[in-house]
Protein backbone atom coordinates (compact mmCIF):
# COMPACT_ATOMS: atom_id res chain seq x y z
CA UNK A 1 -9.20 -35.67 -7.46
CA UNK A 2 -8.34 -35.43 -3.50
CA UNK A 3 -5.23 -33.37 -4.63
CA UNK A 4 -7.61 -30.81 -6.80
CA UNK A 5 -9.67 -30.95 -2.93
CA UNK A 6 -7.15 -30.18 -1.48
CA UNK A 7 -5.52 -27.50 -3.65
CA UNK A 8 -8.71 -26.03 -3.29
CA UNK A 9 -8.87 -25.69 0.28
CA UNK A 10 -5.24 -24.73 0.96
CA UNK A 11 -6.35 -21.44 -1.74
CA UNK A 12 -9.47 -20.81 0.07
CA UNK A 13 -7.56 -20.68 3.01
CA UNK A 14 -4.98 -18.28 2.05
CA UNK A 15 -7.15 -15.84 0.47
CA UNK A 16 -9.74 -15.88 3.20
CA UNK A 17 -6.54 -14.88 5.58
CA UNK A 18 -5.79 -11.77 2.83
CA UNK A 19 -9.12 -10.40 2.10
CA UNK A 20 -8.59 -9.89 6.13
CA UNK A 21 -5.84 -8.37 7.07
CA UNK A 22 -7.14 -4.80 5.70
CA UNK A 23 -3.84 -2.75 4.81
CA UNK A 24 -2.61 0.16 7.11
CA UNK A 25 -4.54 3.20 5.81
CA UNK A 26 -2.38 5.84 4.59
CA UNK A 27 -1.26 8.23 7.25
CA UNK A 28 -0.65 11.93 5.36
CA UNK A 29 -2.95 14.38 3.62
CA UNK A 30 0.02 14.22 1.27
CA UNK A 31 2.12 12.49 -1.32
CA UNK A 32 5.17 10.99 0.19
CA UNK A 33 7.67 11.87 -2.93
CA UNK A 34 6.72 15.26 -3.86
CA UNK A 35 4.93 16.77 -0.60
CA UNK A 36 1.51 17.89 -2.92
CA UNK A 37 -1.54 17.42 -1.44
CA UNK A 38 -3.66 14.29 -2.48
CA UNK A 39 -6.83 14.64 -4.56
CA UNK A 40 -4.37 18.65 -6.05
CA UNK A 41 -4.24 15.39 -9.77
CA UNK A 42 -7.15 13.92 -9.30
CA UNK A 43 -7.90 10.51 -7.63
CA UNK A 44 -4.81 9.75 -6.08
CA UNK A 45 -3.32 6.53 -7.10
CA UNK A 46 -2.97 4.26 -4.18
CA UNK A 47 -0.11 1.21 -3.70
CA UNK A 48 -0.29 -1.35 -0.44
CA UNK A 49 3.41 -2.11 0.15
CA UNK A 50 4.55 -4.58 2.67
CA UNK A 51 0.62 -4.08 3.97
CA UNK A 52 1.11 -0.32 3.74
CA UNK A 53 -1.28 2.02 1.96
CA UNK A 54 0.54 4.65 -0.25
CA UNK A 55 -0.91 7.33 -1.96
CA UNK A 56 0.81 9.27 -4.27
CA UNK A 57 0.16 13.02 -5.92
CA UNK A 58 0.55 11.54 -9.41
CA UNK A 59 1.63 8.66 -11.45
CA UNK A 60 5.40 9.45 -11.66
CA UNK A 61 6.15 9.95 -7.91
CA UNK A 62 5.17 5.71 -7.76
CA UNK A 63 8.26 5.50 -10.12
CA UNK A 64 10.38 7.59 -7.57
CA UNK A 65 8.88 5.69 -4.52
CA UNK A 66 9.33 2.19 -5.70
CA UNK A 67 13.11 3.28 -6.89
CA UNK A 68 13.68 2.98 -2.45
CA UNK A 69 10.23 1.61 -1.27
CA UNK A 70 11.34 0.65 2.66
CA UNK A 71 13.48 4.26 2.81
CA UNK A 72 9.62 6.37 2.10
CA UNK A 73 7.79 3.43 3.93
CA UNK A 74 10.19 4.45 7.07
CA UNK A 75 9.07 8.65 6.44
CA UNK A 76 5.40 7.42 6.70
CA UNK A 77 5.88 5.99 9.97
CA UNK A 78 8.15 8.93 11.64
CA UNK A 79 5.89 11.58 9.96
CA UNK A 80 2.39 9.59 10.92
CA UNK A 81 3.99 9.46 14.99
CA UNK A 82 4.89 13.05 14.50
CA UNK A 83 1.22 14.53 13.31
């Protein structure tokens, strides 16, 4: 019983930290992969990668993003600074 309560306490604490840390919002109005305007093909699919929200014009772009996510996250940060 003590083990179960300890597990629940740890789980609740971890969950509360995760819930408090919202991802950084996606700063661009276009898809990082295709350059298409977000929403031009319906509701944009969204991923959260390393605390950064990433929006895409379509599901197909997610495959290309996943080939080198760190490269694209760096590109998002650079483009956001250039705004």
